[in-house]
Amino acid sequence: MLIGLIALLESRSGSAAAGRRAGLARFWAGLVAIAGVATAVMRTEYDGTGFHRVIEPWIADVIVLAVSAVLVERAFRRESAAYVLAAALGVVVALTDFNATYVAPTSGIEIALLVEGLLLIAIALGAERIRRRVRDVPPDAAPPPSGAQPDAPPEPEADAGAAPS
């Protein structure tokens, strides 16, 4: 939470260097959130018969995916692609855990590795598309053509004031 507050304070300053520091702080805040939640919900304990997960694996994966969804929302709200990277890492962690827990034991390691590779490619492509959408400037905020002043009225047509011949 402290890292997120640092990012907020840095982003309110108008300089480019403060914007870069805010982006770095947002990235680390997202990583800390994903790592903290993942280690908390994917914990195992020994109960005398062996090691078992404290929370069912699919519930833990849904929780990590929910934190990733919140990070994507923050990315769009703050217009910062740094949250997208942390959210993509959360999706990778959750789906890798799901793959290792449910797919690998039933279908074998070969299929699980194939699924994992396809997941990594899909997540990377999705994260790149989302990052571009976060960074793109909306069409109504496009800069004026070169040489034109942003608040200047449009120039009149050259033939508009000429008398017909």
Protein backbone atom coordinates (compact mmCIF):
# COMPACT_ATOMS: atom_id res chain seq x y z
CA MET A 1 0.00 0.00 0.00
CA LEU A 2 2.87 2.32 0.78
CA ILE A 3 4.38 1.76 -2.65
CA GLY A 4 1.04 2.68 -4.25
CA LEU A 5 0.89 5.90 -2.25
CA ILE A 6 4.40 6.78 -3.39
CA ALA A 7 3.25 6.25 -6.98
CA LEU A 8 0.27 8.54 -6.44
CA LEU A 9 2.43 11.29 -4.99
CA GLU A 10 4.99 10.98 -7.77
CA SER A 11 2.33 11.05 -10.50
CA ARG A 12 0.91 14.35 -9.24
CA SER A 13 4.19 16.07 -9.98
CA GLY A 14 4.29 17.27 -13.56
CA SER A 15 7.86 16.37 -14.51
CA ALA A 16 8.84 13.51 -16.82
CA ALA A 17 11.24 12.07 -14.24
CA ALA A 18 8.45 11.94 -11.64
CA GLY A 19 6.26 10.13 -14.18
CA ARG A 20 8.95 7.50 -14.70
CA ARG A 21 9.36 7.08 -10.95
CA ALA A 22 5.58 6.74 -10.58
CA GLY A 23 5.55 4.04 -13.27
CA LEU A 24 8.30 2.13 -11.52
CA ALA A 25 6.50 2.43 -8.17
CA ARG A 26 3.25 1.19 -9.78
CA PHE A 27 5.07 -1.78 -11.27
CA TRP A 28 6.54 -2.75 -7.90
CA ALA A 29 3.21 -2.22 -6.14
CA GLY A 30 1.58 -4.62 -8.59
CA LEU A 31 4.35 -7.19 -8.19
CA VAL A 32 4.12 -7.02 -4.39
CA ALA A 33 0.34 -7.46 -4.57
CA ILE A 34 0.57 -10.49 -6.87
CA ALA A 35 3.45 -12.11 -4.96
CA GLY A 36 1.80 -11.52 -1.59
CA VAL A 37 -1.59 -12.87 -2.58
CA ALA A 38 -0.11 -15.84 -4.46
CA THR A 39 2.09 -16.93 -1.56
CA ALA A 40 -0.77 -16.49 0.91
CA VAL A 41 -3.39 -18.48 -0.98
CA MET A 42 -1.12 -21.16 -2.48
CA ARG A 43 0.31 -22.23 0.88
CA THR A 44 0.71 -25.88 1.84
CA GLU A 45 0.73 -27.42 5.32
CA TYR A 46 1.72 -30.79 6.70
CA ASP A 47 -1.11 -32.61 8.51
CA GLY A 48 0.49 -35.94 9.45
CA THR A 49 -0.49 -37.72 6.25
CA GLY A 50 1.41 -35.41 3.92
CA PHE A 51 1.48 -31.95 2.52
CA HIS A 52 -1.83 -30.46 1.40
CA ARG A 53 -2.95 -27.07 0.17
CA VAL A 54 -4.73 -24.91 2.73
CA ILE A 55 -7.15 -23.53 0.13
CA GLU A 56 -8.40 -25.56 -2.82
CA PRO A 57 -6.13 -24.82 -5.80
CA TRP A 58 -8.90 -23.58 -8.09
CA ILE A 59 -10.13 -21.12 -5.44
CA ALA A 60 -6.58 -19.82 -4.96
CA ASP A 61 -6.23 -19.39 -8.72
CA VAL A 62 -9.50 -17.45 -8.93
CA ILE A 63 -8.29 -15.13 -6.15
CA VAL A 64 -5.02 -14.44 -7.97
CA LEU A 65 -6.94 -13.83 -11.22
CA ALA A 66 -9.20 -11.38 -9.36
CA VAL A 67 -6.17 -9.43 -8.13
CA SER A 68 -4.89 -9.37 -11.72
CA ALA A 69 -8.24 -8.02 -12.91
CA VAL A 70 -8.03 -5.23 -10.32
CA LEU A 71 -4.56 -4.38 -11.60
CA VAL A 72 -5.84 -4.15 -15.17
CA GLU A 73 -8.60 -1.82 -13.96
CA ARG A 74 -5.97 0.31 -12.22
CA ALA A 75 -3.95 0.37 -15.44
CA PHE A 76 -6.85 1.88 -17.37
CA ARG A 77 -7.81 4.26 -14.57
CA ARG A 78 -4.26 5.57 -14.07
CA GLU A 79 -3.28 5.19 -17.73
CA SER A 80 -0.18 3.27 -16.68
CA ALA A 81 1.06 0.18 -18.49
CA ALA A 82 3.14 -0.79 -15.44
CA TYR A 83 0.10 -2.42 -13.83
CA VAL A 84 -0.45 -4.52 -16.97
CA LEU A 85 2.91 -6.26 -16.55
CA ALA A 86 2.14 -7.21 -12.96
CA ALA A 87 -1.36 -8.36 -13.94
CA ALA A 88 0.09 -10.55 -16.71
CA LEU A 89 2.45 -12.12 -14.18
CA GLY A 90 -0.55 -12.87 -11.94
CA VAL A 91 -2.36 -14.58 -14.81
CA VAL A 92 0.75 -16.64 -15.57
CA VAL A 93 1.07 -17.69 -11.91
CA ALA A 94 -2.60 -18.64 -11.60
CA LEU A 95 -2.84 -20.57 -14.87
CA THR A 96 0.50 -22.33 -14.31
CA ASP A 97 -0.70 -23.47 -10.90
CA PHE A 98 -3.97 -24.67 -12.42
CA ASN A 99 -2.07 -26.49 -15.17
CA ALA A 100 0.32 -28.17 -12.72
CA THR A 101 -2.45 -29.13 -10.31
CA TYR A 102 -5.16 -30.39 -12.64
CA VAL A 103 -3.86 -30.90 -16.20
CA ALA A 104 -0.45 -32.50 -15.60
CA PRO A 105 -1.60 -35.37 -13.35
CA THR A 106 -4.45 -36.39 -15.64
CA SER A 107 -3.00 -35.96 -19.13
CA GLY A 108 0.74 -36.29 -18.62
CA ILE A 109 3.67 -33.92 -18.63
CA GLU A 110 3.85 -33.63 -22.43
CA ILE A 111 0.35 -32.23 -22.76
CA ALA A 112 0.85 -30.01 -19.69
CA LEU A 113 4.01 -28.50 -21.21
CA LEU A 114 2.22 -27.89 -24.50
CA VAL A 115 -0.66 -26.21 -22.67
CA GLU A 116 1.81 -24.13 -20.65
CA GLY A 117 3.60 -22.93 -23.78
CA LEU A 118 0.32 -21.96 -25.44
CA LEU A 119 -0.76 -20.16 -22.27
CA LEU A 120 2.46 -18.16 -22.15
CA ILE A 121 2.11 -17.11 -25.79
CA ALA A 122 -1.55 -16.14 -25.34
CA ILE A 123 -0.88 -14.19 -22.14
CA ALA A 124 2.04 -12.31 -23.71
CA LEU A 125 -0.04 -11.35 -26.75
CA GLY A 126 -2.97 -10.31 -24.58
CA ALA A 127 -0.78 -8.23 -22.26
CA GLU A 128 0.81 -6.47 -25.23
CA ARG A 129 -2.60 -5.60 -26.70
CA ILE A 130 -3.85 -4.30 -23.35
CA ARG A 131 -0.64 -2.31 -22.85
CA ARG A 132 -1.16 -0.64 -26.23
CA ARG A 133 -4.76 0.22 -25.38
CA VAL A 134 -3.69 1.75 -22.08
CA ARG A 135 -1.01 3.86 -23.76
CA ASP A 136 -2.99 4.97 -26.83
CA VAL A 137 -4.27 8.52 -26.87
CA PRO A 138 -8.04 8.78 -27.44
CA PRO A 139 -8.99 10.13 -30.90
CA ASP A 140 -10.53 13.32 -29.49
CA ALA A 141 -7.27 14.16 -27.70
CA ALA A 142 -5.14 14.00 -30.86
CA PRO A 143 -2.73 16.90 -31.27
CA PRO A 144 -3.59 19.56 -33.87
CA PRO A 145 -1.85 19.49 -37.27
CA SER A 146 1.69 20.81 -37.29
CA GLY A 147 1.89 24.59 -37.31
CA ALA A 148 -1.66 25.13 -36.01
CA GLN A 149 -2.30 26.60 -32.58
CA PRO A 150 -4.44 24.40 -30.31
CA ASP A 151 -6.93 27.14 -29.37
CA ALA A 152 -6.80 29.22 -32.56
CA PRO A 153 -9.96 29.54 -34.67
CA PRO A 154 -9.85 27.84 -38.06
CA GLU A 155 -8.51 29.89 -40.95
CA PRO A 156 -11.10 31.10 -43.46
CA GLU A 157 -11.13 29.63 -46.94
CA ALA A 158 -9.18 31.59 -49.54
CA ASP A 159 -12.12 31.79 -51.96
CA ALA A 160 -14.77 32.41 -49.32
CA GLY A 161 -14.43 36.23 -49.35
CA ALA A 162 -13.81 36.65 -53.06
CA ALA A 163 -16.56 38.12 -55.20
CA PRO A 164 -17.81 36.01 -58.05
CA SER A 165 -16.58 37.11 -61.47
